[in-house]
All heavy atoms as atom14 arrays in JSON, in Angstrom:
{
  "sequence": "ADNLDNFNVQATYINGELVAANGATRIAFGHSEEINNFHTAPKQPAQ",
  "atom14_mask": [
    [1, 1, 1, 1, 1, 0, 0, 0, 0, 0, 0, 0, 0, 0],
    [1, 1, 1, 1, 1, 1, 1, 1, 0, 0, 0, 0, 0, 0],
    [1, 1, 1, 1, 1, 1, 1, 1, 0, 0, 0, 0, 0, 0],
    [1, 1, 1, 1, 1, 1, 1, 1, 0, 0, 0, 0, 0, 0],
    [1, 1, 1, 1, 1, 1, 1, 1, 0, 0, 0, 0, 0, 0],
    [1, 1, 1, 1, 1, 1, 1, 1, 0, 0, 0, 0, 0, 0],
    [1, 1, 1, 1, 1, 1, 1, 1, 1, 1, 1, 0, 0, 0],
    [1, 1, 1, 1, 1, 1, 1, 1, 0, 0, 0, 0, 0, 0],
    [1, 1, 1, 1, 1, 1, 1, 0, 0, 0, 0, 0, 0, 0],
    [1, 1, 1, 1, 1, 1, 1, 1, 1, 0, 0, 0, 0, 0],
    [1, 1, 1, 1, 1, 0, 0, 0, 0, 0, 0, 0, 0, 0],
    [1, 1, 1, 1, 1, 1, 1, 0, 0, 0, 0, 0, 0, 0],
    [1, 1, 1, 1, 1, 1, 1, 1, 1, 1, 1, 1, 0, 0],
    [1, 1, 1, 1, 1, 1, 1, 1, 0, 0, 0, 0, 0, 0],
    [1, 1, 1, 1, 1, 1, 1, 1, 0, 0, 0, 0, 0, 0],
    [1, 1, 1, 1, 0, 0, 0, 0, 0, 0, 0, 0, 0, 0],
    [1, 1, 1, 1, 1, 1, 1, 1, 1, 0, 0, 0, 0, 0],
    [1, 1, 1, 1, 1, 1, 1, 1, 0, 0, 0, 0, 0, 0],
    [1, 1, 1, 1, 1, 1, 1, 0, 0, 0, 0, 0, 0, 0],
    [1, 1, 1, 1, 1, 0, 0, 0, 0, 0, 0, 0, 0, 0],
    [1, 1, 1, 1, 1, 0, 0, 0, 0, 0, 0, 0, 0, 0],
    [1, 1, 1, 1, 1, 1, 1, 1, 0, 0, 0, 0, 0, 0],
    [1, 1, 1, 1, 0, 0, 0, 0, 0, 0, 0, 0, 0, 0],
    [1, 1, 1, 1, 1, 0, 0, 0, 0, 0, 0, 0, 0, 0],
    [1, 1, 1, 1, 1, 1, 1, 0, 0, 0, 0, 0, 0, 0],
    [1, 1, 1, 1, 1, 1, 1, 1, 1, 1, 1, 0, 0, 0],
    [1, 1, 1, 1, 1, 1, 1, 1, 0, 0, 0, 0, 0, 0],
    [1, 1, 1, 1, 1, 0, 0, 0, 0, 0, 0, 0, 0, 0],
    [1, 1, 1, 1, 1, 1, 1, 1, 1, 1, 1, 0, 0, 0],
    [1, 1, 1, 1, 0, 0, 0, 0, 0, 0, 0, 0, 0, 0],
    [1, 1, 1, 1, 1, 1, 1, 1, 1, 1, 0, 0, 0, 0],
    [1, 1, 1, 1, 1, 1, 0, 0, 0, 0, 0, 0, 0, 0],
    [1, 1, 1, 1, 1, 1, 1, 1, 1, 0, 0, 0, 0, 0],
    [1, 1, 1, 1, 1, 1, 1, 1, 1, 0, 0, 0, 0, 0],
    [1, 1, 1, 1, 1, 1, 1, 1, 0, 0, 0, 0, 0, 0],
    [1, 1, 1, 1, 1, 1, 1, 1, 0, 0, 0, 0, 0, 0],
    [1, 1, 1, 1, 1, 1, 1, 1, 0, 0, 0, 0, 0, 0],
    [1, 1, 1, 1, 1, 1, 1, 1, 1, 1, 1, 0, 0, 0],
    [1, 1, 1, 1, 1, 1, 1, 1, 1, 1, 0, 0, 0, 0],
    [1, 1, 1, 1, 1, 1, 1, 0, 0, 0, 0, 0, 0, 0],
    [1, 1, 1, 1, 1, 0, 0, 0, 0, 0, 0, 0, 0, 0],
    [1, 1, 1, 1, 1, 1, 1, 0, 0, 0, 0, 0, 0, 0],
    [1, 1, 1, 1, 1, 1, 1, 1, 1, 0, 0, 0, 0, 0],
    [1, 1, 1, 1, 1, 1, 1, 1, 1, 0, 0, 0, 0, 0],
    [1, 1, 1, 1, 1, 1, 1, 0, 0, 0, 0, 0, 0, 0],
    [1, 1, 1, 1, 1, 0, 0, 0, 0, 0, 0, 0, 0, 0],
    [1, 1, 1, 1, 1, 1, 1, 1, 1, 0, 0, 0, 0, 0]
  ],
  "atom14_positions": [
    [[4.03, 132.2, 0.55], [2.88, 131.44, 0.07], [1.64, 131.88, 0.84], [1.72, 132.18, 2.04], [3.12, 129.95, 0.23], [0.0, 0.0, 0.0], [0.0, 0.0, 0.0], [0.0, 0.0, 0.0], [0.0, 0.0, 0.0], [0.0, 0.0, 0.0], [0.0, 0.0, 0.0], [0.0, 0.0, 0.0], [0.0, 0.0, 0.0], [0.0, 0.0, 0.0]],
    [[0.5, 131.87, 0.15], [-0.72, 132.41, 0.76], [-1.23, 131.57, 1.93], [-1.6, 132.08, 2.97], [-1.81, 132.64, -0.28], [-2.2, 131.37, -1.03], [-1.53, 130.32, -0.86], [-3.17, 131.43, -1.81], [0.0, 0.0, 0.0], [0.0, 0.0, 0.0], [0.0, 0.0, 0.0], [0.0, 0.0, 0.0], [0.0, 0.0, 0.0], [0.0, 0.0, 0.0]],
    [[-1.28, 130.24, 1.74], [-1.75, 129.36, 2.81], [-1.23, 127.95, 2.56], [-0.56, 127.69, 1.55], [-3.28, 129.38, 2.9], [-3.95, 128.97, 1.61], [-3.79, 127.85, 1.14], [-4.7, 129.9, 1.0], [0.0, 0.0, 0.0], [0.0, 0.0, 0.0], [0.0, 0.0, 0.0], [0.0, 0.0, 0.0], [0.0, 0.0, 0.0], [0.0, 0.0, 0.0]],
    [[-1.52, 127.04, 3.47], [-0.99, 125.69, 3.37], [-1.91, 124.74, 2.62], [-1.63, 123.55, 2.51], [-0.69, 125.13, 4.77], [0.32, 125.94, 5.59], [0.6, 125.26, 6.92], [1.61, 126.16, 4.81], [0.0, 0.0, 0.0], [0.0, 0.0, 0.0], [0.0, 0.0, 0.0], [0.0, 0.0, 0.0], [0.0, 0.0, 0.0], [0.0, 0.0, 0.0]],
    [[-3.02, 125.27, 2.11], [-3.93, 124.44, 1.32], [-3.68, 124.65, -0.17], [-3.33, 123.73, -0.9], [-5.39, 124.78, 1.67], [-5.72, 124.42, 3.1], [-5.3, 123.34, 3.56], [-6.4, 125.23, 3.77], [0.0, 0.0, 0.0], [0.0, 0.0, 0.0], [0.0, 0.0, 0.0], [0.0, 0.0, 0.0], [0.0, 0.0, 0.0], [0.0, 0.0, 0.0]],
    [[-3.83, 125.88, -0.63], [-3.6, 126.17, -2.05], [-2.11, 126.33, -2.37], [-1.67, 126.05, -3.48], [-4.34, 127.46, -2.46], [-5.83, 127.34, -2.28], [-6.4, 126.28, -2.5], [-6.47, 128.42, -1.85], [0.0, 0.0, 0.0], [0.0, 0.0, 0.0], [0.0, 0.0, 0.0], [0.0, 0.0, 0.0], [0.0, 0.0, 0.0], [0.0, 0.0, 0.0]],
    [[-1.34, 126.8, -1.39], [0.1, 126.97, -1.52], [0.46, 127.83, -2.73], [1.41, 127.54, -3.46], [0.81, 125.62, -1.59], [1.98, 125.51, -0.66], [1.82, 125.0, 0.62], [3.23, 125.97, -1.02], [2.89, 124.92, 1.5], [4.3, 125.9, -0.15], [4.14, 125.37, 1.12], [0.0, 0.0, 0.0], [0.0, 0.0, 0.0], [0.0, 0.0, 0.0]],
    [[-0.32, 128.87, -2.97], [-0.01, 129.78, -4.08], [1.19, 130.65, -3.72], [1.22, 131.26, -2.65], [-1.22, 130.66, -4.39], [-2.39, 129.84, -4.91], [-2.2, 128.98, -5.76], [-3.58, 130.08, -4.38], [0.0, 0.0, 0.0], [0.0, 0.0, 0.0], [0.0, 0.0, 0.0], [0.0, 0.0, 0.0], [0.0, 0.0, 0.0], [0.0, 0.0, 0.0]],
    [[2.17, 130.69, -4.62], [3.39, 131.46, -4.38], [3.1, 132.93, -4.67], [2.74, 133.29, -5.79], [4.55, 130.94, -5.25], [5.79, 131.81, -5.05], [4.86, 129.48, -4.9], [0.0, 0.0, 0.0], [0.0, 0.0, 0.0], [0.0, 0.0, 0.0], [0.0, 0.0, 0.0], [0.0, 0.0, 0.0], [0.0, 0.0, 0.0], [0.0, 0.0, 0.0]],
    [[3.29, 133.77, -3.66], [3.02, 135.2, -3.82], [4.27, 136.0, -4.17], [4.17, 137.05, -4.81], [2.41, 135.75, -2.52], [1.06, 135.14, -2.16], [0.54, 135.66, -0.84], [1.28, 135.8, 0.12], [-0.75, 135.96, -0.79], [0.0, 0.0, 0.0], [0.0, 0.0, 0.0], [0.0, 0.0, 0.0], [0.0, 0.0, 0.0], [0.0, 0.0, 0.0]],
    [[5.43, 135.52, -3.71], [6.67, 136.24, -4.0], [7.86, 135.28, -3.89], [7.82, 134.32, -3.11], [6.86, 137.41, -3.03], [0.0, 0.0, 0.0], [0.0, 0.0, 0.0], [0.0, 0.0, 0.0], [0.0, 0.0, 0.0], [0.0, 0.0, 0.0], [0.0, 0.0, 0.0], [0.0, 0.0, 0.0], [0.0, 0.0, 0.0], [0.0, 0.0, 0.0]],
    [[8.88, 135.55, -4.69], [10.11, 134.75, -4.66], [11.3, 135.7, -4.54], [11.42, 136.66, -5.31], [10.26, 133.92, -5.95], [9.11, 133.09, -6.11], [11.51, 133.05, -5.89], [0.0, 0.0, 0.0], [0.0, 0.0, 0.0], [0.0, 0.0, 0.0], [0.0, 0.0, 0.0], [0.0, 0.0, 0.0], [0.0, 0.0, 0.0], [0.0, 0.0, 0.0]],
    [[12.17, 135.42, -3.58], [13.38, 136.2, -3.36], [14.61, 135.31, -3.58], [14.66, 134.17, -3.1], [13.45, 136.74, -1.92], [12.42, 137.79, -1.6], [11.14, 137.44, -1.17], [12.72, 139.15, -1.71], [10.19, 138.4, -0.85], [11.77, 140.13, -1.4], [10.51, 139.74, -0.97], [9.57, 140.7, -0.66], [0.0, 0.0, 0.0], [0.0, 0.0, 0.0]],
    [[15.58, 135.82, -4.31], [16.85, 135.12, -4.5], [17.97, 136.11, -4.17], [18.03, 137.19, -4.77], [17.01, 134.57, -5.92], [15.91, 133.54, -6.22], [18.39, 133.95, -6.12], [15.94, 132.98, -7.64], [0.0, 0.0, 0.0], [0.0, 0.0, 0.0], [0.0, 0.0, 0.0], [0.0, 0.0, 0.0], [0.0, 0.0, 0.0], [0.0, 0.0, 0.0]],
    [[18.81, 135.73, -3.21], [19.86, 136.64, -2.72], [19.28, 138.0, -2.34], [19.89, 139.05, -2.59], [20.98, 136.81, -3.75], [21.86, 135.57, -3.85], [21.92, 134.76, -2.93], [22.53, 135.42, -4.97], [0.0, 0.0, 0.0], [0.0, 0.0, 0.0], [0.0, 0.0, 0.0], [0.0, 0.0, 0.0], [0.0, 0.0, 0.0], [0.0, 0.0, 0.0]],
    [[18.09, 137.95, -1.76], [17.45, 139.18, -1.3], [16.78, 140.01, -2.38], [16.21, 141.06, -2.1], [0.0, 0.0, 0.0], [0.0, 0.0, 0.0], [0.0, 0.0, 0.0], [0.0, 0.0, 0.0], [0.0, 0.0, 0.0], [0.0, 0.0, 0.0], [0.0, 0.0, 0.0], [0.0, 0.0, 0.0], [0.0, 0.0, 0.0], [0.0, 0.0, 0.0]],
    [[16.83, 139.55, -3.61], [16.19, 140.29, -4.72], [14.82, 139.69, -5.01], [14.67, 138.47, -5.16], [17.07, 140.22, -5.97], [16.48, 140.97, -7.15], [17.39, 141.01, -8.35], [18.57, 140.62, -8.23], [16.93, 141.43, -9.44], [0.0, 0.0, 0.0], [0.0, 0.0, 0.0], [0.0, 0.0, 0.0], [0.0, 0.0, 0.0], [0.0, 0.0, 0.0]],
    [[13.83, 140.54, -5.12], [12.48, 140.11, -5.47], [12.45, 139.78, -6.96], [12.51, 140.68, -7.8], [11.46, 141.2, -5.14], [10.0, 140.87, -5.42], [9.52, 139.7, -4.57], [9.13, 142.1, -5.18], [0.0, 0.0, 0.0], [0.0, 0.0, 0.0], [0.0, 0.0, 0.0], [0.0, 0.0, 0.0], [0.0, 0.0, 0.0], [0.0, 0.0, 0.0]],
    [[12.37, 138.48, -7.3], [12.44, 138.06, -8.7], [11.08, 137.68, -9.28], [10.94, 137.52, -10.49], [13.44, 136.89, -8.87], [14.86, 137.35, -8.58], [13.07, 135.71, -7.97], [0.0, 0.0, 0.0], [0.0, 0.0, 0.0], [0.0, 0.0, 0.0], [0.0, 0.0, 0.0], [0.0, 0.0, 0.0], [0.0, 0.0, 0.0], [0.0, 0.0, 0.0]],
    [[10.08, 137.54, -8.41], [8.72, 137.27, -8.89], [7.74, 137.74, -7.83], [8.01, 137.63, -6.63], [8.53, 135.78, -9.16], [0.0, 0.0, 0.0], [0.0, 0.0, 0.0], [0.0, 0.0, 0.0], [0.0, 0.0, 0.0], [0.0, 0.0, 0.0], [0.0, 0.0, 0.0], [0.0, 0.0, 0.0], [0.0, 0.0, 0.0], [0.0, 0.0, 0.0]],
    [[6.59, 138.27, -8.27], [5.58, 138.74, -7.33], [4.21, 138.63, -7.97], [4.02, 138.99, -9.13], [5.86, 140.18, -6.92], [0.0, 0.0, 0.0], [0.0, 0.0, 0.0], [0.0, 0.0, 0.0], [0.0, 0.0, 0.0], [0.0, 0.0, 0.0], [0.0, 0.0, 0.0], [0.0, 0.0, 0.0], [0.0, 0.0, 0.0], [0.0, 0.0, 0.0]],
    [[3.27, 138.08, -7.2], [1.87, 138.0, -7.61], [1.7, 137.37, -8.99], [0.96, 137.86, -9.84], [1.24, 139.39, -7.59], [1.31, 140.03, -6.21], [1.04, 139.36, -5.2], [1.7, 141.29, -6.15], [0.0, 0.0, 0.0], [0.0, 0.0, 0.0], [0.0, 0.0, 0.0], [0.0, 0.0, 0.0], [0.0, 0.0, 0.0], [0.0, 0.0, 0.0]],
    [[2.42, 136.28, -9.22], [2.26, 135.52, -10.46], [2.96, 136.08, -11.67], [2.72, 135.62, -12.79], [0.0, 0.0, 0.0], [0.0, 0.0, 0.0], [0.0, 0.0, 0.0], [0.0, 0.0, 0.0], [0.0, 0.0, 0.0], [0.0, 0.0, 0.0], [0.0, 0.0, 0.0], [0.0, 0.0, 0.0], [0.0, 0.0, 0.0], [0.0, 0.0, 0.0]],
    [[3.83, 137.07, -11.47], [4.54, 137.68, -12.61], [6.04, 137.68, -12.34], [6.49, 137.97, -11.23], [4.05, 139.1, -12.85], [0.0, 0.0, 0.0], [0.0, 0.0, 0.0], [0.0, 0.0, 0.0], [0.0, 0.0, 0.0], [0.0, 0.0, 0.0], [0.0, 0.0, 0.0], [0.0, 0.0, 0.0], [0.0, 0.0, 0.0], [0.0, 0.0, 0.0]],
    [[6.8, 137.38, -13.37], [8.25, 137.42, -13.24], [8.74, 138.86, -13.23], [8.16, 139.73, -13.87], [8.93, 136.64, -14.38], [10.34, 136.56, -14.14], [8.69, 137.29, -15.74], [0.0, 0.0, 0.0], [0.0, 0.0, 0.0], [0.0, 0.0, 0.0], [0.0, 0.0, 0.0], [0.0, 0.0, 0.0], [0.0, 0.0, 0.0], [0.0, 0.0, 0.0]],
    [[9.8, 139.09, -12.47], [10.43, 140.41, -12.45], [11.81, 140.37, -13.08], [12.56, 141.34, -13.01], [10.5, 140.93, -11.0], [9.11, 141.21, -10.41], [9.2, 141.53, -8.93], [9.89, 142.77, -8.66], [9.31, 143.95, -8.49], [7.99, 144.05, -8.6], [10.02, 145.03, -8.22], [0.0, 0.0, 0.0], [0.0, 0.0, 0.0], [0.0, 0.0, 0.0]],
    [[12.17, 139.21, -13.67], [13.43, 139.09, -14.39], [13.18, 139.55, -15.83], [12.3, 139.05, -16.51], [13.95, 137.64, -14.38], [14.19, 137.17, -12.95], [15.23, 137.52, -15.2], [14.62, 135.72, -12.83], [0.0, 0.0, 0.0], [0.0, 0.0, 0.0], [0.0, 0.0, 0.0], [0.0, 0.0, 0.0], [0.0, 0.0, 0.0], [0.0, 0.0, 0.0]],
    [[13.96, 140.5, -16.27], [13.75, 141.09, -17.59], [14.21, 140.15, -18.71], [15.16, 139.38, -18.54], [14.5, 142.41, -17.69], [0.0, 0.0, 0.0], [0.0, 0.0, 0.0], [0.0, 0.0, 0.0], [0.0, 0.0, 0.0], [0.0, 0.0, 0.0], [0.0, 0.0, 0.0], [0.0, 0.0, 0.0], [0.0, 0.0, 0.0], [0.0, 0.0, 0.0]],
    [[13.54, 140.23, -19.85], [13.98, 139.51, -21.04], [15.27, 140.13, -21.55], [15.46, 141.34, -21.49], [12.91, 139.57, -22.13], [13.38, 139.05, -23.46], [13.5, 137.69, -23.68], [13.74, 139.93, -24.49], [13.94, 137.2, -24.9], [14.18, 139.45, -25.71], [14.28, 138.08, -25.91], [0.0, 0.0, 0.0], [0.0, 0.0, 0.0], [0.0, 0.0, 0.0]],
    [[16.17, 139.27, -22.04], [17.41, 139.78, -22.59], [17.88, 138.95, -23.77], [17.42, 137.82, -23.97], [0.0, 0.0, 0.0], [0.0, 0.0, 0.0], [0.0, 0.0, 0.0], [0.0, 0.0, 0.0], [0.0, 0.0, 0.0], [0.0, 0.0, 0.0], [0.0, 0.0, 0.0], [0.0, 0.0, 0.0], [0.0, 0.0, 0.0], [0.0, 0.0, 0.0]],
    [[18.78, 139.51, -24.54], [19.29, 138.83, -25.74], [20.21, 137.67, -25.35], [21.0, 137.77, -24.42], [20.06, 139.82, -26.61], [20.8, 139.18, -27.75], [20.16, 138.73, -28.9], [22.12, 138.87, -27.9], [21.06, 138.19, -29.7], [22.25, 138.27, -29.13], [0.0, 0.0, 0.0], [0.0, 0.0, 0.0], [0.0, 0.0, 0.0], [0.0, 0.0, 0.0]],
    [[20.11, 136.55, -26.08], [21.0, 135.41, -25.9], [21.61, 135.03, -27.24], [20.94, 135.04, -28.28], [20.24, 134.2, -25.34], [19.78, 134.45, -24.02], [0.0, 0.0, 0.0], [0.0, 0.0, 0.0], [0.0, 0.0, 0.0], [0.0, 0.0, 0.0], [0.0, 0.0, 0.0], [0.0, 0.0, 0.0], [0.0, 0.0, 0.0], [0.0, 0.0, 0.0]],
    [[22.88, 134.67, -27.21], [23.58, 134.24, -28.41], [22.98, 132.93, -28.92], [22.53, 132.09, -28.14], [25.07, 134.02, -28.07], [25.92, 133.58, -29.25], [27.33, 133.19, -28.84], [27.64, 133.26, -27.63], [28.11, 132.82, -29.73], [0.0, 0.0, 0.0], [0.0, 0.0, 0.0], [0.0, 0.0, 0.0], [0.0, 0.0, 0.0], [0.0, 0.0, 0.0]],
    [[22.99, 132.76, -30.25], [22.49, 131.52, -30.86], [23.67, 130.75, -31.44], [24.31, 131.2, -32.39], [21.45, 131.83, -31.94], [20.19, 132.49, -31.38], [19.17, 132.84, -32.45], [19.49, 132.65, -33.66], [18.08, 133.3, -32.09], [0.0, 0.0, 0.0], [0.0, 0.0, 0.0], [0.0, 0.0, 0.0], [0.0, 0.0, 0.0], [0.0, 0.0, 0.0]],
    [[23.97, 129.58, -30.85], [25.02, 128.7, -31.35], [24.38, 127.4, -31.82], [23.34, 127.0, -31.32], [26.1, 128.44, -30.28], [25.49, 127.75, -29.04], [26.79, 129.73, -29.88], [26.52, 127.34, -28.01], [0.0, 0.0, 0.0], [0.0, 0.0, 0.0], [0.0, 0.0, 0.0], [0.0, 0.0, 0.0], [0.0, 0.0, 0.0], [0.0, 0.0, 0.0]],
    [[25.01, 126.74, -32.82], [24.35, 125.56, -33.39], [25.35, 124.61, -34.03], [26.55, 124.92, -34.17], [23.3, 126.01, -34.42], [22.13, 125.06, -34.51], [22.22, 123.9, -34.12], [21.01, 125.54, -35.04], [0.0, 0.0, 0.0], [0.0, 0.0, 0.0], [0.0, 0.0, 0.0], [0.0, 0.0, 0.0], [0.0, 0.0, 0.0], [0.0, 0.0, 0.0]],
    [[24.85, 123.45, -34.43], [25.63, 122.42, -35.11], [24.64, 121.59, -35.93], [24.04, 120.65, -35.42], [26.37, 121.55, -34.09], [27.23, 120.47, -34.74], [27.41, 120.45, -35.96], [27.76, 119.56, -33.94], [0.0, 0.0, 0.0], [0.0, 0.0, 0.0], [0.0, 0.0, 0.0], [0.0, 0.0, 0.0], [0.0, 0.0, 0.0], [0.0, 0.0, 0.0]],
    [[24.46, 121.97, -37.2], [23.4, 121.37, -38.02], [23.89, 121.25, -39.46], [24.14, 122.25, -40.12], [22.15, 122.27, -37.99], [20.86, 121.53, -37.87], [20.2, 121.46, -36.66], [20.31, 120.89, -38.97], [18.99, 120.77, -36.55], [19.12, 120.21, -38.87], [18.45, 120.14, -37.66], [0.0, 0.0, 0.0], [0.0, 0.0, 0.0], [0.0, 0.0, 0.0]],
    [[24.08, 120.02, -39.93], [24.67, 119.82, -41.26], [24.04, 118.64, -41.99], [24.61, 117.55, -42.06], [26.18, 119.59, -41.14], [26.9, 120.63, -40.36], [27.19, 121.89, -40.85], [27.37, 120.62, -39.09], [27.81, 122.6, -39.93], [27.94, 121.85, -38.85], [0.0, 0.0, 0.0], [0.0, 0.0, 0.0], [0.0, 0.0, 0.0], [0.0, 0.0, 0.0]],
    [[22.86, 118.83, -42.54], [22.25, 117.79, -43.36], [21.4, 118.45, -44.43], [20.97, 119.61, -44.28], [21.43, 116.8, -42.52], [21.11, 115.65, -43.31], [20.14, 117.42, -42.0], [0.0, 0.0, 0.0], [0.0, 0.0, 0.0], [0.0, 0.0, 0.0], [0.0, 0.0, 0.0], [0.0, 0.0, 0.0], [0.0, 0.0, 0.0], [0.0, 0.0, 0.0]],
    [[21.17, 117.72, -45.52], [20.42, 118.27, -46.66], [18.96, 117.82, -46.6], [18.63, 116.83, -45.96], [21.06, 117.79, -47.96], [0.0, 0.0, 0.0], [0.0, 0.0, 0.0], [0.0, 0.0, 0.0], [0.0, 0.0, 0.0], [0.0, 0.0, 0.0], [0.0, 0.0, 0.0], [0.0, 0.0, 0.0], [0.0, 0.0, 0.0], [0.0, 0.0, 0.0]],
    [[18.07, 118.54, -47.26], [16.65, 118.13, -47.31], [16.49, 116.71, -47.83], [17.3, 116.22, -48.62], [16.04, 119.16, -48.28], [16.94, 120.36, -48.17], [18.31, 119.81, -47.97], [0.0, 0.0, 0.0], [0.0, 0.0, 0.0], [0.0, 0.0, 0.0], [0.0, 0.0, 0.0], [0.0, 0.0, 0.0], [0.0, 0.0, 0.0], [0.0, 0.0, 0.0]],
    [[15.43, 116.06, -47.38], [15.16, 114.66, -47.73], [13.98, 114.54, -48.7], [13.1, 115.4, -48.73], [14.87, 113.84, -46.46], [15.94, 113.97, -45.38], [17.32, 113.58, -45.87], [18.39, 113.87, -44.83], [19.76, 113.74, -45.38], [0.0, 0.0, 0.0], [0.0, 0.0, 0.0], [0.0, 0.0, 0.0], [0.0, 0.0, 0.0], [0.0, 0.0, 0.0]],
    [[13.99, 113.46, -49.46], [12.91, 113.16, -50.4], [11.98, 112.1, -49.8], [12.44, 111.24, -49.04], [13.49, 112.65, -51.72], [14.4, 113.64, -52.42], [13.69, 114.94, -52.76], [12.55, 114.93, -53.23], [14.36, 116.06, -52.52], [0.0, 0.0, 0.0], [0.0, 0.0, 0.0], [0.0, 0.0, 0.0], [0.0, 0.0, 0.0], [0.0, 0.0, 0.0]],
    [[10.69, 112.12, -50.15], [9.76, 111.11, -49.62], [10.24, 109.69, -49.86], [10.04, 108.81, -48.99], [8.46, 111.41, -50.36], [8.54, 112.88, -50.68], [9.99, 113.15, -50.95], [0.0, 0.0, 0.0], [0.0, 0.0, 0.0], [0.0, 0.0, 0.0], [0.0, 0.0, 0.0], [0.0, 0.0, 0.0], [0.0, 0.0, 0.0], [0.0, 0.0, 0.0]],
    [[10.86, 109.42, -51.0], [11.3, 108.06, -51.33], [12.34, 107.53, -50.33], [12.49, 106.32, -50.17], [11.88, 108.02, -52.74], [0.0, 0.0, 0.0], [0.0, 0.0, 0.0], [0.0, 0.0, 0.0], [0.0, 0.0, 0.0], [0.0, 0.0, 0.0], [0.0, 0.0, 0.0], [0.0, 0.0, 0.0], [0.0, 0.0, 0.0], [0.0, 0.0, 0.0]],
    [[13.05, 108.43, -49.64], [14.06, 108.0, -48.68], [13.46, 107.39, -47.41], [14.17, 106.8, -46.61], [14.97, 109.18, -48.31], [15.86, 109.66, -49.45], [16.73, 110.82, -49.04], [16.35, 111.98, -49.16], [17.93, 110.51, -48.55], [0.0, 0.0, 0.0], [0.0, 0.0, 0.0], [0.0, 0.0, 0.0], [0.0, 0.0, 0.0], [0.0, 0.0, 0.0]]
  ]
}
């Protein structure tokens, strides 16, 4: 952190790996599976 007043985070380390620096993430975007549970039909205004 830069100082004890603004407390701006300059770098983050997890298990010794630099995962963020100078306000930017260093963790790459990756694909995630999409799972769901959705079972209903469209509704009418009268309902």
